[in-house]
């Protein structure tokens, strides 16, 4: 369980960093800012890797979380980097990461919640 807790904390922290790195940037600004793009994509990779480290039991206990989508976007970033769609990444930042954090925050260990 400690490994699951550590991986969950990594996912949440990466999500928070994504929002921090993209804060105040609209689509065209993000597309023009290679540094912020790289930072966001790296954190997406971290989220996917940490998701893959979660035990099957933990993932099965929380089917409301789109675990396979998180791992899948990591695979695209890592292995199909030439196919990354800026529209999808912007959607991930604007919609998916905040929704994911809302799902994951209640799962954090009590002493790490805020």
N, C-alpha and C. Protein backbone atom coordinates (compact mmCIF):
# COMPACT_ATOMS: atom_id res chain seq x y z
N UNK A 1 0.81 -1.20 0.00
CA UNK A 1 0.00 0.00 0.00
C UNK A 1 0.86 1.26 0.00
N UNK A 2 2.01 1.23 0.62
CA UNK A 2 2.87 2.41 0.63
C UNK A 2 3.29 2.80 -0.78
N UNK A 3 3.52 1.78 -1.62
CA UNK A 3 3.88 2.08 -3.01
C UNK A 3 2.72 2.77 -3.72
N UNK A 4 1.50 2.31 -3.47
CA UNK A 4 0.33 2.95 -4.06
C UNK A 4 0.20 4.39 -3.59
N UNK A 5 0.41 4.62 -2.30
CA UNK A 5 0.32 5.98 -1.77
C UNK A 5 1.38 6.88 -2.41
N UNK A 6 2.59 6.38 -2.55
CA UNK A 6 3.67 7.17 -3.14
C UNK A 6 3.35 7.49 -4.61
N UNK A 7 2.86 6.50 -5.34
CA UNK A 7 2.53 6.72 -6.74
C UNK A 7 1.37 7.71 -6.87
N UNK A 8 0.38 7.59 -6.00
CA UNK A 8 -0.74 8.51 -6.03
C UNK A 8 -0.28 9.94 -5.75
N UNK A 9 0.59 10.10 -4.80
CA UNK A 9 1.15 11.43 -4.51
C UNK A 9 1.91 11.98 -5.71
N UNK A 10 2.64 11.12 -6.40
CA UNK A 10 3.37 11.55 -7.60
C UNK A 10 2.40 12.02 -8.69
N UNK A 11 1.30 11.31 -8.86
CA UNK A 11 0.31 11.68 -9.88
C UNK A 11 -0.30 13.04 -9.55
N UNK A 12 -0.69 13.21 -8.30
CA UNK A 12 -1.30 14.48 -7.88
C UNK A 12 -0.30 15.62 -8.03
N UNK A 13 0.91 15.42 -7.59
CA UNK A 13 1.93 16.49 -7.69
C UNK A 13 2.18 16.85 -9.15
N UNK A 14 2.28 15.87 -10.02
CA UNK A 14 2.49 16.14 -11.44
C UNK A 14 1.31 16.92 -12.02
N UNK A 15 0.10 16.56 -11.62
CA UNK A 15 -1.08 17.29 -12.08
C UNK A 15 -1.06 18.74 -11.62
N UNK A 16 -0.68 18.94 -10.37
CA UNK A 16 -0.59 20.30 -9.84
C UNK A 16 0.47 21.11 -10.59
N UNK A 17 1.59 20.47 -10.91
CA UNK A 17 2.64 21.16 -11.65
C UNK A 17 2.19 21.50 -13.07
N UNK A 18 1.43 20.62 -13.70
CA UNK A 18 0.91 20.92 -15.03
C UNK A 18 0.08 22.20 -14.98
N UNK A 19 -0.80 22.29 -14.01
CA UNK A 19 -1.64 23.48 -13.89
C UNK A 19 -0.80 24.72 -13.60
N UNK A 20 0.22 24.56 -12.77
CA UNK A 20 1.10 25.68 -12.45
C UNK A 20 1.87 26.15 -13.69
N UNK A 21 2.42 25.20 -14.44
CA UNK A 21 3.22 25.56 -15.62
C UNK A 21 2.39 26.21 -16.71
N UNK A 22 1.12 25.86 -16.80
CA UNK A 22 0.26 26.39 -17.86
C UNK A 22 -0.61 27.57 -17.39
N UNK A 23 -0.47 27.93 -16.14
CA UNK A 23 -1.32 28.99 -15.59
C UNK A 23 -1.17 30.28 -16.38
N UNK A 24 -2.29 30.86 -16.76
CA UNK A 24 -2.30 32.13 -17.46
C UNK A 24 -2.01 32.05 -18.95
N UNK A 25 -1.75 30.86 -19.47
CA UNK A 25 -1.44 30.70 -20.89
C UNK A 25 -2.68 30.26 -21.65
N UNK A 26 -3.01 30.97 -22.72
CA UNK A 26 -4.07 30.48 -23.58
C UNK A 26 -3.45 29.53 -24.60
N UNK A 27 -4.29 29.00 -25.47
CA UNK A 27 -3.83 27.99 -26.43
C UNK A 27 -2.64 28.48 -27.26
N UNK A 28 -2.76 29.66 -27.85
CA UNK A 28 -1.69 30.14 -28.73
C UNK A 28 -0.41 30.45 -27.95
N UNK A 29 -0.55 30.93 -26.73
CA UNK A 29 0.64 31.18 -25.91
C UNK A 29 1.34 29.88 -25.54
N UNK A 30 0.57 28.88 -25.19
CA UNK A 30 1.16 27.59 -24.85
C UNK A 30 1.84 26.97 -26.07
N UNK A 31 1.19 27.08 -27.21
CA UNK A 31 1.76 26.52 -28.44
C UNK A 31 3.08 27.20 -28.81
N UNK A 32 3.20 28.48 -28.48
CA UNK A 32 4.41 29.23 -28.80
C UNK A 32 5.51 29.08 -27.74
N UNK A 33 5.15 28.58 -26.58
CA UNK A 33 6.10 28.50 -25.45
C UNK A 33 6.63 27.08 -25.31
N UNK A 34 7.74 26.80 -25.97
CA UNK A 34 8.30 25.44 -25.96
C UNK A 34 8.72 24.98 -24.57
N UNK A 35 9.16 25.90 -23.75
CA UNK A 35 9.57 25.53 -22.39
C UNK A 35 8.36 25.03 -21.59
N UNK A 36 7.26 25.75 -21.65
CA UNK A 36 6.06 25.31 -20.92
C UNK A 36 5.51 24.02 -21.51
N UNK A 37 5.53 23.90 -22.83
CA UNK A 37 5.08 22.65 -23.46
C UNK A 37 5.90 21.48 -22.95
N UNK A 38 7.21 21.65 -22.94
CA UNK A 38 8.09 20.56 -22.50
C UNK A 38 7.84 20.21 -21.04
N UNK A 39 7.64 21.21 -20.21
CA UNK A 39 7.39 20.97 -18.79
C UNK A 39 6.08 20.20 -18.60
N UNK A 40 5.04 20.60 -19.32
CA UNK A 40 3.74 19.93 -19.22
C UNK A 40 3.85 18.49 -19.71
N UNK A 41 4.50 18.30 -20.85
CA UNK A 41 4.62 16.95 -21.39
C UNK A 41 5.42 16.04 -20.47
N UNK A 42 6.44 16.57 -19.84
CA UNK A 42 7.21 15.77 -18.89
C UNK A 42 6.32 15.34 -17.72
N UNK A 43 5.52 16.25 -17.20
CA UNK A 43 4.65 15.91 -16.07
C UNK A 43 3.56 14.92 -16.48
N UNK A 44 3.10 15.00 -17.72
CA UNK A 44 2.16 13.99 -18.22
C UNK A 44 2.83 12.63 -18.21
N UNK A 45 4.10 12.59 -18.60
CA UNK A 45 4.85 11.34 -18.57
C UNK A 45 4.97 10.80 -17.15
N UNK A 46 5.26 11.69 -16.20
CA UNK A 46 5.35 11.29 -14.80
C UNK A 46 4.02 10.72 -14.32
N UNK A 47 2.93 11.38 -14.68
CA UNK A 47 1.61 10.89 -14.27
C UNK A 47 1.36 9.48 -14.80
N UNK A 48 1.70 9.26 -16.05
CA UNK A 48 1.49 7.94 -16.65
C UNK A 48 2.36 6.87 -16.03
N UNK A 49 3.61 7.21 -15.78
CA UNK A 49 4.52 6.24 -15.15
C UNK A 49 4.04 5.89 -13.75
N UNK A 50 3.65 6.90 -12.99
CA UNK A 50 3.17 6.65 -11.63
C UNK A 50 1.89 5.82 -11.65
N UNK A 51 1.04 6.07 -12.63
CA UNK A 51 -0.19 5.27 -12.77
C UNK A 51 0.15 3.81 -12.99
N UNK A 52 1.15 3.56 -13.81
CA UNK A 52 1.55 2.17 -14.08
C UNK A 52 2.15 1.50 -12.86
N UNK A 53 2.62 2.27 -11.89
CA UNK A 53 3.18 1.71 -10.66
C UNK A 53 2.12 1.35 -9.63
N UNK A 54 0.93 1.87 -9.81
CA UNK A 54 -0.15 1.53 -8.88
C UNK A 54 -0.48 0.05 -9.01
N UNK A 55 -0.82 -0.56 -7.90
CA UNK A 55 -1.20 -1.97 -7.94
C UNK A 55 -2.51 -2.14 -8.69
N UNK A 56 -2.69 -3.30 -9.27
CA UNK A 56 -3.95 -3.62 -9.96
C UNK A 56 -5.11 -3.50 -8.98
N UNK A 57 -4.90 -3.95 -7.76
CA UNK A 57 -5.95 -3.90 -6.75
C UNK A 57 -6.40 -2.46 -6.50
N UNK A 58 -5.45 -1.56 -6.37
CA UNK A 58 -5.80 -0.16 -6.12
C UNK A 58 -6.59 0.41 -7.29
N UNK A 59 -6.12 0.15 -8.50
CA UNK A 59 -6.83 0.66 -9.68
C UNK A 59 -8.24 0.07 -9.77
N UNK A 60 -8.38 -1.20 -9.45
CA UNK A 60 -9.70 -1.83 -9.49
C UNK A 60 -10.63 -1.30 -8.41
N UNK A 61 -10.07 -0.86 -7.29
CA UNK A 61 -10.88 -0.29 -6.21
C UNK A 61 -11.42 1.10 -6.58
N UNK A 62 -10.83 1.71 -7.60
CA UNK A 62 -11.20 3.08 -7.99
C UNK A 62 -11.45 3.14 -9.50
N UNK A 63 -12.49 2.44 -9.96
CA UNK A 63 -12.75 2.38 -11.40
C UNK A 63 -13.22 3.72 -11.99
N UNK A 64 -13.60 4.66 -11.13
CA UNK A 64 -14.05 5.97 -11.60
C UNK A 64 -12.89 6.80 -12.18
N UNK A 65 -11.66 6.40 -11.87
CA UNK A 65 -10.48 7.11 -12.36
C UNK A 65 -10.07 6.48 -13.69
N UNK A 66 -9.84 7.29 -14.72
CA UNK A 66 -9.49 6.75 -16.05
C UNK A 66 -8.01 6.34 -16.13
N UNK A 67 -7.65 5.31 -15.38
CA UNK A 67 -6.24 4.88 -15.31
C UNK A 67 -5.66 4.58 -16.68
N UNK A 68 -6.38 3.87 -17.51
CA UNK A 68 -5.83 3.49 -18.82
C UNK A 68 -5.62 4.71 -19.71
N UNK A 69 -6.46 5.73 -19.58
CA UNK A 69 -6.26 6.96 -20.35
C UNK A 69 -5.00 7.69 -19.91
N UNK A 70 -4.76 7.71 -18.60
CA UNK A 70 -3.57 8.38 -18.08
C UNK A 70 -2.31 7.68 -18.58
N UNK A 71 -2.30 6.36 -18.49
CA UNK A 71 -1.15 5.60 -18.98
C UNK A 71 -1.02 5.72 -20.49
N UNK A 72 -2.14 5.76 -21.18
CA UNK A 72 -2.12 5.82 -22.64
C UNK A 72 -1.55 7.12 -23.18
N UNK A 73 -1.90 8.24 -22.55
CA UNK A 73 -1.36 9.51 -23.04
C UNK A 73 0.14 9.58 -22.76
N UNK A 74 0.57 8.95 -21.68
CA UNK A 74 2.01 8.88 -21.40
C UNK A 74 2.73 8.14 -22.51
N UNK A 75 2.13 7.05 -22.97
CA UNK A 75 2.75 6.27 -24.04
C UNK A 75 2.85 7.07 -25.33
N UNK A 76 1.84 7.86 -25.61
CA UNK A 76 1.90 8.71 -26.81
C UNK A 76 3.01 9.74 -26.68
N UNK A 77 3.09 10.40 -25.51
CA UNK A 77 4.13 11.42 -25.30
C UNK A 77 5.52 10.80 -25.41
N UNK A 78 5.70 9.62 -24.83
CA UNK A 78 7.02 8.99 -24.80
C UNK A 78 7.42 8.32 -26.10
N UNK A 79 6.46 7.70 -26.78
CA UNK A 79 6.82 6.86 -27.93
C UNK A 79 6.34 7.40 -29.28
N UNK A 80 5.34 8.25 -29.25
CA UNK A 80 4.80 8.79 -30.50
C UNK A 80 4.80 10.31 -30.44
N UNK A 81 5.90 10.85 -29.94
CA UNK A 81 6.01 12.29 -29.71
C UNK A 81 5.73 13.12 -30.96
N UNK A 82 5.95 12.53 -32.12
CA UNK A 82 5.71 13.27 -33.36
C UNK A 82 4.22 13.33 -33.70
N UNK A 83 3.39 12.65 -32.94
CA UNK A 83 1.96 12.65 -33.17
C UNK A 83 1.20 13.42 -32.10
N UNK A 84 1.90 14.13 -31.24
CA UNK A 84 1.25 14.87 -30.17
C UNK A 84 0.41 15.99 -30.78
N UNK A 85 -0.85 16.04 -30.36
CA UNK A 85 -1.81 17.01 -30.85
C UNK A 85 -1.96 18.12 -29.81
N UNK A 86 -1.61 19.34 -30.19
CA UNK A 86 -1.69 20.47 -29.27
C UNK A 86 -3.09 20.69 -28.74
N UNK A 87 -4.10 20.43 -29.56
CA UNK A 87 -5.48 20.58 -29.11
C UNK A 87 -5.78 19.63 -27.96
N UNK A 88 -5.30 18.40 -28.08
CA UNK A 88 -5.55 17.41 -27.03
C UNK A 88 -4.80 17.79 -25.75
N UNK A 89 -3.55 18.22 -25.90
CA UNK A 89 -2.77 18.61 -24.72
C UNK A 89 -3.44 19.79 -24.02
N UNK A 90 -3.94 20.76 -24.77
CA UNK A 90 -4.61 21.90 -24.15
C UNK A 90 -5.88 21.45 -23.43
N UNK A 91 -6.61 20.51 -24.01
CA UNK A 91 -7.80 19.95 -23.36
C UNK A 91 -7.41 19.23 -22.08
N UNK A 92 -6.31 18.48 -22.13
CA UNK A 92 -5.83 17.79 -20.93
C UNK A 92 -5.57 18.80 -19.81
N UNK A 93 -4.93 19.90 -20.15
CA UNK A 93 -4.61 20.92 -19.15
C UNK A 93 -5.87 21.59 -18.62
N UNK A 94 -6.74 21.98 -19.52
CA UNK A 94 -7.92 22.77 -19.14
C UNK A 94 -9.01 21.94 -18.47
N UNK A 95 -9.21 20.71 -18.91
CA UNK A 95 -10.33 19.93 -18.42
C UNK A 95 -9.92 18.67 -17.67
N UNK A 96 -9.09 17.85 -18.30
CA UNK A 96 -8.82 16.53 -17.75
C UNK A 96 -8.02 16.55 -16.45
N UNK A 97 -6.99 17.38 -16.38
CA UNK A 97 -6.18 17.41 -15.16
C UNK A 97 -7.00 17.92 -13.97
N UNK A 98 -7.74 19.02 -14.09
CA UNK A 98 -8.57 19.42 -12.95
C UNK A 98 -9.58 18.36 -12.53
N UNK A 99 -10.22 17.71 -13.49
CA UNK A 99 -11.17 16.64 -13.17
C UNK A 99 -10.47 15.48 -12.47
N UNK A 100 -9.29 15.13 -12.95
CA UNK A 100 -8.53 14.04 -12.34
C UNK A 100 -8.14 14.39 -10.91
N UNK A 101 -7.66 15.59 -10.69
CA UNK A 101 -7.29 15.99 -9.34
C UNK A 101 -8.50 15.94 -8.40
N UNK A 102 -9.66 16.32 -8.89
CA UNK A 102 -10.87 16.23 -8.07
C UNK A 102 -11.17 14.78 -7.67
N UNK A 103 -10.88 13.84 -8.56
CA UNK A 103 -11.09 12.43 -8.25
C UNK A 103 -10.03 11.89 -7.28
N UNK A 104 -8.80 12.37 -7.43
CA UNK A 104 -7.69 11.80 -6.66
C UNK A 104 -7.50 12.40 -5.28
N UNK A 105 -7.84 13.66 -5.11
CA UNK A 105 -7.59 14.31 -3.81
C UNK A 105 -8.22 13.55 -2.64
N UNK A 106 -9.46 13.06 -2.77
CA UNK A 106 -10.03 12.30 -1.65
C UNK A 106 -9.33 10.97 -1.38
N UNK A 107 -8.55 10.48 -2.32
CA UNK A 107 -7.86 9.20 -2.15
C UNK A 107 -6.51 9.35 -1.45
N UNK A 108 -6.04 10.59 -1.31
CA UNK A 108 -4.73 10.81 -0.69
C UNK A 108 -4.77 10.43 0.79
N UNK A 109 -3.63 10.00 1.31
CA UNK A 109 -3.55 9.76 2.75
C UNK A 109 -3.90 11.05 3.48
N UNK A 110 -4.57 10.95 4.60
CA UNK A 110 -5.07 12.11 5.33
C UNK A 110 -4.00 13.15 5.64
N UNK A 111 -2.82 12.74 6.04
CA UNK A 111 -1.78 13.69 6.41
C UNK A 111 -1.17 14.40 5.21
N UNK A 112 -1.45 13.98 3.98
CA UNK A 112 -0.87 14.58 2.78
C UNK A 112 -1.92 15.35 1.99
N UNK A 113 -3.15 15.42 2.47
CA UNK A 113 -4.24 15.94 1.67
C UNK A 113 -4.04 17.39 1.26
N UNK A 114 -3.59 18.25 2.11
CA UNK A 114 -3.46 19.66 1.73
C UNK A 114 -2.17 20.19 2.17
